[in-house]
PDB file of all heavy atoms in Angstrom:
ATOM      1  N   TYR A   1     -12.303  16.303   6.810  1.00  0.00           N
ATOM      2  CA  TYR A   1     -11.010  16.848   7.179  1.00  0.00           C
ATOM      3  C   TYR A   1     -10.014  15.719   7.357  1.00  0.00           C
ATOM      4  O   TYR A   1     -10.281  14.757   8.107  1.00  0.00           O
ATOM      5  CB  TYR A   1     -11.119  17.699   8.424  1.00  0.00           C
ATOM      6  CG  TYR A   1     -12.028  18.874   8.304  1.00  0.00           C
ATOM      7  CD1 TYR A   1     -13.402  18.728   8.565  1.00  0.00           C
ATOM      8  CD2 TYR A   1     -11.569  20.097   7.846  1.00  0.00           C
ATOM      9  CE1 TYR A   1     -14.265  19.790   8.422  1.00  0.00           C
ATOM     10  CE2 TYR A   1     -12.439  21.187   7.715  1.00  0.00           C
ATOM     11  CZ  TYR A   1     -13.811  21.016   8.007  1.00  0.00           C
ATOM     12  OH  TYR A   1     -14.653  22.071   7.824  1.00  0.00           O
ATOM     13  N   TYR A   2      -8.883  15.841   6.687  1.00  0.00           N
ATOM     14  CA  TYR A   2      -7.845  14.809   6.786  1.00  0.00           C
ATOM     15  C   TYR A   2      -6.636  15.396   7.530  1.00  0.00           C
ATOM     16  O   TYR A   2      -6.286  16.547   7.409  1.00  0.00           O
ATOM     17  CB  TYR A   2      -7.356  14.383   5.402  1.00  0.00           C
ATOM     18  CG  TYR A   2      -8.355  13.565   4.624  1.00  0.00           C
ATOM     19  CD1 TYR A   2      -9.297  14.193   3.789  1.00  0.00           C
ATOM     20  CD2 TYR A   2      -8.367  12.188   4.687  1.00  0.00           C
ATOM     21  CE1 TYR A   2     -10.208  13.455   3.075  1.00  0.00           C
ATOM     22  CE2 TYR A   2      -9.270  11.444   3.985  1.00  0.00           C
ATOM     23  CZ  TYR A   2     -10.189  12.086   3.176  1.00  0.00           C
ATOM     24  OH  TYR A   2     -11.098  11.335   2.426  1.00  0.00           O
ATOM     25  N   ALA A   3      -5.949  14.551   8.280  1.00  0.00           N
ATOM     26  CA  ALA A   3      -4.671  14.891   8.836  1.00  0.00           C
ATOM     27  C   ALA A   3      -3.663  15.138   7.703  1.00  0.00           C
ATOM     28  O   ALA A   3      -3.705  14.416   6.673  1.00  0.00           O
ATOM     29  CB  ALA A   3      -4.165  13.819   9.780  1.00  0.00           C
ATOM     30  N   ASP A   4      -2.771  16.075   7.890  1.00  0.00           N
ATOM     31  CA  ASP A   4      -1.788  16.391   6.832  1.00  0.00           C
ATOM     32  C   ASP A   4      -0.971  15.132   6.467  1.00  0.00           C
ATOM     33  O   ASP A   4      -0.570  14.969   5.330  1.00  0.00           O
ATOM     34  CB  ASP A   4      -0.845  17.497   7.302  1.00  0.00           C
ATOM     35  CG  ASP A   4      -1.541  18.848   7.345  1.00  0.00           C
ATOM     36  OD1 ASP A   4      -2.605  18.994   6.695  1.00  0.00           O
ATOM     37  OD2 ASP A   4      -1.014  19.759   8.024  1.00  0.00           O
ATOM     38  N   SER A   5      -0.722  14.311   7.458  1.00  0.00           N
ATOM     39  CA  SER A   5       0.138  13.155   7.254  1.00  0.00           C
ATOM     40  C   SER A   5      -0.481  12.080   6.306  1.00  0.00           C
ATOM     41  O   SER A   5       0.261  11.220   5.835  1.00  0.00           O
ATOM     42  CB  SER A   5       0.469  12.494   8.598  1.00  0.00           C
ATOM     43  OG  SER A   5      -0.718  12.106   9.256  1.00  0.00           O
ATOM     44  N   VAL A   6      -1.797  12.172   6.110  1.00  0.00           N
ATOM     45  CA  VAL A   6      -2.442  11.155   5.255  1.00  0.00           C
ATOM     46  C   VAL A   6      -3.114  11.767   3.980  1.00  0.00           C
ATOM     47  O   VAL A   6      -3.632  10.991   3.164  1.00  0.00           O
ATOM     48  CB  VAL A   6      -3.492  10.365   6.045  1.00  0.00           C
ATOM     49  CG1 VAL A   6      -2.875   9.744   7.330  1.00  0.00           C
ATOM     50  CG2 VAL A   6      -4.730  11.212   6.388  1.00  0.00           C
ATOM     51  N   LYS A   7      -3.061  13.029   3.848  1.00  0.00           N
ATOM     52  CA  LYS A   7      -3.707  13.662   2.688  1.00  0.00           C
ATOM     53  C   LYS A   7      -3.089  13.133   1.421  1.00  0.00           C
ATOM     54  O   LYS A   7      -1.877  13.028   1.280  1.00  0.00           O
ATOM     55  CB  LYS A   7      -3.528  15.192   2.754  1.00  0.00           C
ATOM     56  CG  LYS A   7      -4.458  15.874   3.721  1.00  0.00           C
ATOM     57  CD  LYS A   7      -4.225  17.382   3.690  1.00  0.00           C
ATOM     58  CE  LYS A   7      -5.182  18.083   4.686  1.00  0.00           C
ATOM     59  NZ  LYS A   7      -4.947  19.548   4.730  1.00  0.00           N
ATOM     60  N   GLY A   8      -3.961  12.819   0.470  1.00  0.00           N
ATOM     61  CA  GLY A   8      -3.494  12.283  -0.804  1.00  0.00           C
ATOM     62  C   GLY A   8      -3.273  10.807  -0.806  1.00  0.00           C
ATOM     63  O   GLY A   8      -3.058  10.197  -1.861  1.00  0.00           O
ATOM     64  N   ARG A   9      -3.255  10.164   0.378  1.00  0.00           N
ATOM     65  CA  ARG A   9      -3.039   8.757   0.467  1.00  0.00           C
ATOM     66  C   ARG A   9      -4.254   7.990   1.001  1.00  0.00           C
ATOM     67  O   ARG A   9      -4.507   6.848   0.610  1.00  0.00           O
ATOM     68  CB  ARG A   9      -1.852   8.467   1.386  1.00  0.00           C
ATOM     69  CG  ARG A   9      -0.560   9.057   0.919  1.00  0.00           C
ATOM     70  CD  ARG A   9       0.620   8.585   1.736  1.00  0.00           C
ATOM     71  NE  ARG A   9       0.557   8.938   3.134  1.00  0.00           N
ATOM     72  CZ  ARG A   9       0.548   8.073   4.119  1.00  0.00           C
ATOM     73  NH1 ARG A   9       0.623   6.743   3.898  1.00  0.00           N
ATOM     74  NH2 ARG A   9       0.392   8.471   5.409  1.00  0.00           N
ATOM     75  N   PHE A  10      -4.988   8.616   1.926  1.00  0.00           N
ATOM     76  CA  PHE A  10      -6.163   7.977   2.561  1.00  0.00           C
ATOM     77  C   PHE A  10      -7.417   8.622   2.039  1.00  0.00           C
ATOM     78  O   PHE A  10      -7.429   9.869   1.814  1.00  0.00           O
ATOM     79  CB  PHE A  10      -6.111   8.142   4.067  1.00  0.00           C
ATOM     80  CG  PHE A  10      -5.043   7.330   4.764  1.00  0.00           C
ATOM     81  CD1 PHE A  10      -3.995   6.701   4.043  1.00  0.00           C
ATOM     82  CD2 PHE A  10      -5.052   7.194   6.148  1.00  0.00           C
ATOM     83  CE1 PHE A  10      -3.049   5.961   4.716  1.00  0.00           C
ATOM     84  CE2 PHE A  10      -4.087   6.500   6.805  1.00  0.00           C
ATOM     85  CZ  PHE A  10      -3.059   5.860   6.068  1.00  0.00           C
ATOM     86  N   THR A  11      -8.481   7.827   1.870  1.00  0.00           N
ATOM     87  CA  THR A  11      -9.766   8.384   1.449  1.00  0.00           C
ATOM     88  C   THR A  11     -10.878   7.730   2.265  1.00  0.00           C
ATOM     89  O   THR A  11     -10.931   6.478   2.349  1.00  0.00           O
ATOM     90  CB  THR A  11      -9.976   8.083  -0.049  1.00  0.00           C
ATOM     91  OG1 THR A  11      -8.917   8.636  -0.827  1.00  0.00           O
ATOM     92  CG2 THR A  11     -11.294   8.702  -0.516  1.00  0.00           C
ATOM     93  N   ILE A  12     -11.746   8.512   2.783  1.00  0.00           N
ATOM     94  CA  ILE A  12     -12.902   8.013   3.502  1.00  0.00           C
ATOM     95  C   ILE A  12     -14.125   7.984   2.576  1.00  0.00           C
ATOM     96  O   ILE A  12     -14.222   8.822   1.699  1.00  0.00           O
ATOM     97  CB  ILE A  12     -13.197   8.879   4.738  1.00  0.00           C
ATOM     98  CG1 ILE A  12     -14.174   8.142   5.671  1.00  0.00           C
ATOM     99  CG2 ILE A  12     -13.702  10.256   4.372  1.00  0.00           C
ATOM    100  CD1 ILE A  12     -14.366   8.836   7.048  1.00  0.00           C
ATOM    101  N   SER A  13     -14.930   6.980   2.725  1.00  0.00           N
ATOM    102  CA  SER A  13     -16.163   6.848   1.934  1.00  0.00           C
ATOM    103  C   SER A  13     -17.240   6.238   2.808  1.00  0.00           C
ATOM    104  O   SER A  13     -16.937   5.607   3.825  1.00  0.00           O
ATOM    105  CB  SER A  13     -15.941   6.036   0.662  1.00  0.00           C
ATOM    106  OG  SER A  13     -15.577   4.727   0.959  1.00  0.00           O
ATOM    107  N   LYS A  14     -18.505   6.415   2.368  1.00  0.00           N
ATOM    108  CA  LYS A  14     -19.635   5.924   3.129  1.00  0.00           C
ATOM    109  C   LYS A  14     -20.586   5.156   2.241  1.00  0.00           C
ATOM    110  O   LYS A  14     -20.839   5.580   1.108  1.00  0.00           O
ATOM    111  CB  LYS A  14     -20.366   7.073   3.769  1.00  0.00           C
ATOM    112  CG  LYS A  14     -19.576   7.853   4.814  1.00  0.00           C
ATOM    113  CD  LYS A  14     -20.042   9.273   4.981  1.00  0.00           C
ATOM    114  CE  LYS A  14     -19.396  10.169   3.944  1.00  0.00           C
ATOM    115  NZ  LYS A  14     -19.817  11.592   4.098  1.00  0.00           N
ATOM    116  N   ASP A  15     -21.070   4.065   2.724  1.00  0.00           N
ATOM    117  CA  ASP A  15     -22.110   3.310   2.058  1.00  0.00           C
ATOM    118  C   ASP A  15     -23.336   3.397   2.957  1.00  0.00           C
ATOM    119  O   ASP A  15     -23.460   2.625   3.906  1.00  0.00           O
ATOM    120  CB  ASP A  15     -21.673   1.860   1.865  1.00  0.00           C
ATOM    121  CG  ASP A  15     -22.658   1.044   1.011  1.00  0.00           C
ATOM    122  OD1 ASP A  15     -23.872   1.390   1.053  1.00  0.00           O
ATOM    123  OD2 ASP A  15     -22.233   0.089   0.366  1.00  0.00           O
ATOM    124  N   ASN A  16     -24.178   4.380   2.673  1.00  0.00           N
ATOM    125  CA  ASN A  16     -25.318   4.617   3.577  1.00  0.00           C
ATOM    126  C   ASN A  16     -26.274   3.412   3.712  1.00  0.00           C
ATOM    127  O   ASN A  16     -26.708   3.108   4.802  1.00  0.00           O
ATOM    128  CB  ASN A  16     -26.075   5.850   3.105  1.00  0.00           C
ATOM    129  CG  ASN A  16     -25.249   7.134   3.340  1.00  0.00           C
ATOM    130  OD1 ASN A  16     -24.422   7.207   4.289  1.00  0.00           O
ATOM    131  ND2 ASN A  16     -25.414   8.113   2.526  1.00  0.00           N
ATOM    132  N   PRO A  17     -26.632   2.747   2.615  1.00  0.00           N
ATOM    133  CA  PRO A  17     -27.564   1.613   2.762  1.00  0.00           C
ATOM    134  C   PRO A  17     -27.016   0.519   3.687  1.00  0.00           C
ATOM    135  O   PRO A  17     -27.734  -0.180   4.366  1.00  0.00           O
ATOM    136  CB  PRO A  17     -27.752   1.091   1.312  1.00  0.00           C
ATOM    137  CG  PRO A  17     -27.501   2.293   0.499  1.00  0.00           C
ATOM    138  CD  PRO A  17     -26.397   3.033   1.205  1.00  0.00           C
ATOM    139  N   LYS A  18     -25.673   0.391   3.670  1.00  0.00           N
ATOM    140  CA  LYS A  18     -25.041  -0.636   4.495  1.00  0.00           C
ATOM    141  C   LYS A  18     -24.587  -0.111   5.872  1.00  0.00           C
ATOM    142  O   LYS A  18     -24.062  -0.848   6.690  1.00  0.00           O
ATOM    143  CB  LYS A  18     -23.818  -1.225   3.789  1.00  0.00           C
ATOM    144  CG  LYS A  18     -24.140  -2.030   2.530  1.00  0.00           C
ATOM    145  CD  LYS A  18     -22.837  -2.634   1.948  1.00  0.00           C
ATOM    146  CE  LYS A  18     -23.170  -3.499   0.731  1.00  0.00           C
ATOM    147  NZ  LYS A  18     -21.970  -4.096   0.143  1.00  0.00           N
ATOM    148  N   ASN A  19     -24.803   1.195   6.097  1.00  0.00           N
ATOM    149  CA  ASN A  19     -24.394   1.798   7.359  1.00  0.00           C
ATOM    150  C   ASN A  19     -22.904   1.465   7.673  1.00  0.00           C
ATOM    151  O   ASN A  19     -22.561   1.047   8.727  1.00  0.00           O
ATOM    152  CB  ASN A  19     -25.241   1.325   8.514  1.00  0.00           C
ATOM    153  CG  ASN A  19     -26.549   2.061   8.575  1.00  0.00           C
ATOM    154  OD1 ASN A  19     -26.741   3.099   7.936  1.00  0.00           O
ATOM    155  ND2 ASN A  19     -27.499   1.519   9.336  1.00  0.00           N
ATOM    156  N   THR A  20     -22.119   1.662   6.630  1.00  0.00           N
ATOM    157  CA  THR A  20     -20.665   1.303   6.733  1.00  0.00           C
ATOM    158  C   THR A  20     -19.816   2.456   6.251  1.00  0.00           C
ATOM    159  O   THR A  20     -20.147   3.112   5.238  1.00  0.00           O
ATOM    160  CB  THR A  20     -20.342   0.041   5.966  1.00  0.00           C
ATOM    161  OG1 THR A  20     -21.153  -1.047   6.441  1.00  0.00           O
ATOM    162  CG2 THR A  20     -18.868  -0.354   6.124  1.00  0.00           C
ATOM    163  N   ILE A  21     -18.727   2.713   6.980  1.00  0.00           N
ATOM    164  CA  ILE A  21     -17.772   3.734   6.605  1.00  0.00           C
ATOM    165  C   ILE A  21     -16.453   3.014   6.284  1.00  0.00           C
ATOM    166  O   ILE A  21     -16.060   2.073   6.999  1.00  0.00           O
ATOM    167  CB  ILE A  21     -17.556   4.712   7.765  1.00  0.00           C
ATOM    168  CG1 ILE A  21     -18.848   5.444   8.055  1.00  0.00           C
ATOM    169  CG2 ILE A  21     -16.486   5.720   7.421  1.00  0.00           C
ATOM    170  CD1 ILE A  21     -18.825   6.194   9.366  1.00  0.00           C
ATOM    171  N   TYR A  22     -15.841   3.446   5.215  1.00  0.00           N
ATOM    172  CA  TYR A  22     -14.598   2.816   4.775  1.00  0.00           C
ATOM    173  C   TYR A  22     -13.446   3.824   4.869  1.00  0.00           C
ATOM    174  O   TYR A  22     -13.631   5.015   4.688  1.00  0.00           O
ATOM    175  CB  TYR A  22     -14.731   2.322   3.330  1.00  0.00           C
ATOM    176  CG  TYR A  22     -15.837   1.315   3.155  1.00  0.00           C
ATOM    177  CD1 TYR A  22     -17.048   1.714   2.636  1.00  0.00           C
ATOM    178  CD2 TYR A  22     -15.673  -0.020   3.504  1.00  0.00           C
ATOM    179  CE1 TYR A  22     -18.100   0.817   2.432  1.00  0.00           C
ATOM    180  CE2 TYR A  22     -16.709  -0.929   3.305  1.00  0.00           C
ATOM    181  CZ  TYR A  22     -17.914  -0.516   2.811  1.00  0.00           C
ATOM    182  OH  TYR A  22     -18.906  -1.415   2.616  1.00  0.00           O
ATOM    183  N   LEU A  23     -12.248   3.288   5.087  1.00  0.00           N
ATOM    184  CA  LEU A  23     -11.033   4.093   4.995  1.00  0.00           C
ATOM    185  C   LEU A  23     -10.097   3.362   4.040  1.00  0.00           C
ATOM    186  O   LEU A  23      -9.516   2.314   4.416  1.00  0.00           O
ATOM    187  CB  LEU A  23     -10.409   4.253   6.382  1.00  0.00           C
ATOM    188  CG  LEU A  23      -9.137   5.162   6.381  1.00  0.00           C
ATOM    189  CD1 LEU A  23      -9.488   6.597   5.983  1.00  0.00           C
ATOM    190  CD2 LEU A  23      -8.461   5.144   7.734  1.00  0.00           C
ATOM    191  N   GLN A  24      -9.974   3.893   2.844  1.00  0.00           N
ATOM    192  CA  GLN A  24      -9.011   3.352   1.898  1.00  0.00           C
ATOM    193  C   GLN A  24      -7.636   3.958   2.113  1.00  0.00           C
ATOM    194  O   GLN A  24      -7.492   5.171   2.098  1.00  0.00           O
ATOM    195  CB  GLN A  24      -9.489   3.613   0.461  1.00  0.00           C
ATOM    196  CG  GLN A  24      -8.538   3.121  -0.635  1.00  0.00           C
ATOM    197  CD  GLN A  24      -8.486   1.588  -0.667  1.00  0.00           C
ATOM    198  OE1 GLN A  24      -9.489   0.949  -0.556  1.00  0.00           O
ATOM    199  NE2 GLN A  24      -7.280   1.058  -0.817  1.00  0.00           N
ATOM    200  N   MET A  25      -6.684   3.090   2.401  1.00  0.00           N
ATOM    201  CA  MET A  25      -5.330   3.580   2.702  1.00  0.00           C
ATOM    202  C   MET A  25      -4.334   3.066   1.645  1.00  0.00           C
ATOM    203  O   MET A  25      -4.169   1.836   1.490  1.00  0.00           O
ATOM    204  CB  MET A  25      -4.925   3.054   4.076  1.00  0.00           C
ATOM    205  CG  MET A  25      -5.912   3.438   5.189  1.00  0.00           C
ATOM    206  SD  MET A  25      -5.344   2.985   6.840  1.00  0.00           S
ATOM    207  CE  MET A  25      -5.265   1.186   6.680  1.00  0.00           C
ATOM    208  N   ASN A  26      -3.785   3.992   0.937  1.00  0.00           N
ATOM    209  CA  ASN A  26      -2.813   3.693  -0.117  1.00  0.00           C
ATOM    210  C   ASN A  26      -1.439   4.221   0.220  1.00  0.00           C
ATOM    211  O   ASN A  26      -1.297   5.071   1.110  1.00  0.00           O
ATOM    212  CB  ASN A  26      -3.274   4.265  -1.469  1.00  0.00           C
ATOM    213  CG  ASN A  26      -4.613   3.738  -1.929  1.00  0.00           C
ATOM    214  OD1 ASN A  26      -4.960   2.552  -1.645  1.00  0.00           O
ATOM    215  ND2 ASN A  26      -5.393   4.568  -2.588  1.00  0.00           N
ATOM    216  N   SER A  27      -0.456   3.746  -0.504  1.00  0.00           N
ATOM    217  CA  SER A  27       0.955   4.206  -0.248  1.00  0.00           C
ATOM    218  C   SER A  27       1.292   4.182   1.221  1.00  0.00           C
ATOM    219  O   SER A  27       1.839   5.174   1.741  1.00  0.00           O
ATOM    220  CB  SER A  27       1.116   5.612  -0.839  1.00  0.00           C
ATOM    221  OG  SER A  27       0.803   5.610  -2.206  1.00  0.00           O
ATOM    222  N   LEU A  28       0.985   3.094   1.856  1.00  0.00           N
ATOM    223  CA  LEU A  28       1.201   3.003   3.295  1.00  0.00           C
ATOM    224  C   LEU A  28       2.679   3.130   3.632  1.00  0.00           C
ATOM    225  O   LEU A  28       3.562   2.621   2.937  1.00  0.00           O
ATOM    226  CB  LEU A  28       0.619   1.717   3.826  1.00  0.00           C
ATOM    227  CG  LEU A  28      -0.916   1.733   3.986  1.00  0.00           C
ATOM    228  CD1 LEU A  28      -1.469   0.339   4.108  1.00  0.00           C
ATOM    229  CD2 LEU A  28      -1.292   2.573   5.222  1.00  0.00           C
ATOM    230  N   LYS A  29       2.939   3.711   4.800  1.00  0.00           N
ATOM    231  CA  LYS A  29       4.265   3.907   5.291  1.00  0.00           C
ATOM    232  C   LYS A  29       4.422   3.240   6.658  1.00  0.00           C
ATOM    233  O   LYS A  29       3.401   2.996   7.345  1.00  0.00           O
ATOM    234  CB  LYS A  29       4.576   5.408   5.474  1.00  0.00           C
ATOM    235  CG  LYS A  29       4.367   6.222   4.223  1.00  0.00           C
ATOM    236  CD  LYS A  29       4.574   7.681   4.514  1.00  0.00           C
ATOM    237  CE  LYS A  29       4.337   8.535   3.258  1.00  0.00           C
ATOM    238  NZ  LYS A  29       4.541   9.992   3.526  1.00  0.00           N
ATOM    239  N   ALA A  30       5.663   2.983   7.072  1.00  0.00           N
ATOM    240  CA  ALA A  30       5.872   2.393   8.374  1.00  0.00           C
ATOM    241  C   ALA A  30       5.256   3.213   9.496  1.00  0.00           C
ATOM    242  O   ALA A  30       4.727   2.645  10.467  1.00  0.00           O
ATOM    243  CB  ALA A  30       7.336   2.179   8.604  1.00  0.00           C
ATOM    244  N   GLU A  31       5.245   4.492   9.344  1.00  0.00           N
ATOM    245  CA  GLU A  31       4.708   5.371  10.388  1.00  0.00           C
ATOM    246  C   GLU A  31       3.191   5.378  10.463  1.00  0.00           C
ATOM    247  O   GLU A  31       2.585   5.965  11.360  1.00  0.00           O
ATOM    248  CB  GLU A  31       5.195   6.818  10.229  1.00  0.00           C
ATOM    249  CG  GLU A  31       5.020   7.387   8.829  1.00  0.00           C
ATOM    250  CD  GLU A  31       6.285   7.263   7.977  1.00  0.00           C
ATOM    251  OE1 GLU A  31       6.959   6.188   8.031  1.00  0.00           O
ATOM    252  OE2 GLU A  31       6.618   8.248   7.301  1.00  0.00           O
ATOM    253  N   ASP A  32       2.536   4.665   9.526  1.00  0.00           N
ATOM    254  CA  ASP A  32       1.087   4.490   9.602  1.00  0.00           C
ATOM    255  C   ASP A  32       0.715   3.341  10.532  1.00  0.00           C
ATOM    256  O   ASP A  32      -0.446   3.106  10.825  1.00  0.00           O
ATOM    257  CB  ASP A  32       0.498   4.204   8.215  1.00  0.00           C
ATOM    258  CG  ASP A  32       0.602   5.401   7.294  1.00  0.00           C
ATOM    259  OD1 ASP A  32       0.436   6.539   7.714  1.00  0.00           O
ATOM    260  OD2 ASP A  32       0.953   5.193   6.094  1.00  0.00           O
ATOM    261  N   THR A  33       1.718   2.589  10.995  1.00  0.00           N
ATOM    262  CA  THR A  33       1.458   1.465  11.879  1.00  0.00           C
ATOM    263  C   THR A  33       0.809   1.951  13.142  1.00  0.00           C
ATOM    264  O   THR A  33       1.330   2.846  13.849  1.00  0.00           O
ATOM    265  CB  THR A  33       2.753   0.743  12.212  1.00  0.00           C
ATOM    266  OG1 THR A  33       3.284   0.141  11.021  1.00  0.00           O
ATOM    267  CG2 THR A  33       2.534  -0.317  13.268  1.00  0.00           C
ATOM    268  N   ALA A  34      -0.356   1.427  13.490  1.00  0.00           N
ATOM    269  CA  ALA A  34      -1.118   1.839  14.655  1.00  0.00           C
ATOM    270  C   ALA A  34      -2.373   1.010  14.779  1.00  0.00           C
ATOM    271  O   ALA A  34      -2.724   0.240  13.852  1.00  0.00           O
ATOM    272  CB  ALA A  34      -1.503   3.297  14.544  1.00  0.00           C
ATOM    273  N   MET A  35      -3.050   1.151  15.914  1.00  0.00           N
ATOM    274  CA  MET A  35      -4.396   0.634  16.077  1.00  0.00           C
ATOM    275  C   MET A  35      -5.318   1.705  15.523  1.00  0.00           C
ATOM    276  O   MET A  35      -5.212   2.879  15.943  1.00  0.00           O
ATOM    277  CB  MET A  35      -4.674   0.325  17.537  1.00  0.00           C
ATOM    278  CG  MET A  35      -6.045  -0.328  17.761  1.00  0.00           C
ATOM    279  SD  MET A  35      -6.112  -1.994  17.176  1.00  0.00           S
ATOM    280  CE  MET A  35      -5.267  -2.831  18.538  1.00  0.00           C
ATOM    281  N   TYR A  36      -6.222   1.324  14.656  1.00  0.00           N
ATOM    282  CA  TYR A  36      -7.155   2.295  14.041  1.00  0.00           C
ATOM    283  C   TYR A  36      -8.551   2.106  14.623  1.00  0.00           C
ATOM    284  O   TYR A  36      -9.050   0.990  14.721  1.00  0.00           O
ATOM    285  CB  TYR A  36      -7.205   2.083  12.529  1.00  0.00           C
ATOM    286  CG  TYR A  36      -5.985   2.683  11.845  1.00  0.00           C
ATOM    287  CD1 TYR A  36      -4.730   2.103  11.975  1.00  0.00           C
ATOM    288  CD2 TYR A  36      -6.080   3.835  11.070  1.00  0.00           C
ATOM    289  CE1 TYR A  36      -3.615   2.646  11.377  1.00  0.00           C
ATOM    290  CE2 TYR A  36      -4.964   4.406  10.446  1.00  0.00           C
ATOM    291  CZ  TYR A  36      -3.722   3.779  10.597  1.00  0.00           C
ATOM    292  OH  TYR A  36      -2.622   4.346   9.998  1.00  0.00           O
ATOM    293  N   TYR A  37      -9.152   3.235  15.010  1.00  0.00           N
ATOM    294  CA  TYR A  37     -10.464   3.240  15.619  1.00  0.00           C
ATOM    295  C   TYR A  37     -11.464   4.082  14.844  1.00  0.00           C
ATOM    296  O   TYR A  37     -11.100   5.117  14.318  1.00  0.00           O
ATOM    297  CB  TYR A  37     -10.381   3.809  17.039  1.00  0.00           C
ATOM    298  CG  TYR A  37      -9.495   3.069  17.964  1.00  0.00           C
ATOM    299  CD1 TYR A  37      -8.147   3.417  18.107  1.00  0.00           C
ATOM    300  CD2 TYR A  37      -9.959   2.035  18.781  1.00  0.00           C
ATOM    301  CE1 TYR A  37      -7.321   2.740  18.962  1.00  0.00           C
ATOM    302  CE2 TYR A  37      -9.155   1.356  19.681  1.00  0.00           C
ATOM    303  CZ  TYR A  37      -7.840   1.720  19.763  1.00  0.00           C
ATOM    304  OH  TYR A  37      -7.017   1.052  20.625  1.00  0.00           O
ATOM    305  N   CYS A  38     -12.681   3.610  14.804  1.00  0.00           N
ATOM    306  CA  CYS A  38     -13.788   4.390  14.252  1.00  0.00           C
ATOM    307  C   CYS A  38     -14.499   5.013  15.478  1.00  0.00           C
ATOM    308  O   CYS A  38     -14.623   4.339  16.513  1.00  0.00           O
ATOM    309  CB  CYS A  38     -14.687   3.440  13.481  1.00  0.00           C
ATOM    310  SG  CYS A  38     -16.144   4.171  12.728  1.00  0.00           S
ATOM    311  N   ALA A  39     -14.982   6.225  15.310  1.00  0.00           N
ATOM    312  CA  ALA A  39     -15.604   6.901  16.442  1.00  0.00           C
ATOM    313  C   ALA A  39     -16.750   7.791  15.957  1.00  0.00           C
ATOM    314  O   ALA A  39     -16.769   8.231  14.795  1.00  0.00           O
ATOM    315  CB  ALA A  39     -14.610   7.732  17.220  1.00  0.00           C
TER     316      ALA A  39
END
């Protein structure tokens, strides 16, 4: 589930062997400025 504000611009992916989650952020806007947390 994506927030409406990032749909079409952000994509989450997972690399299970590496136990890593990625967040690809494209077409970034000034309003995307923030501290980002994984949870």
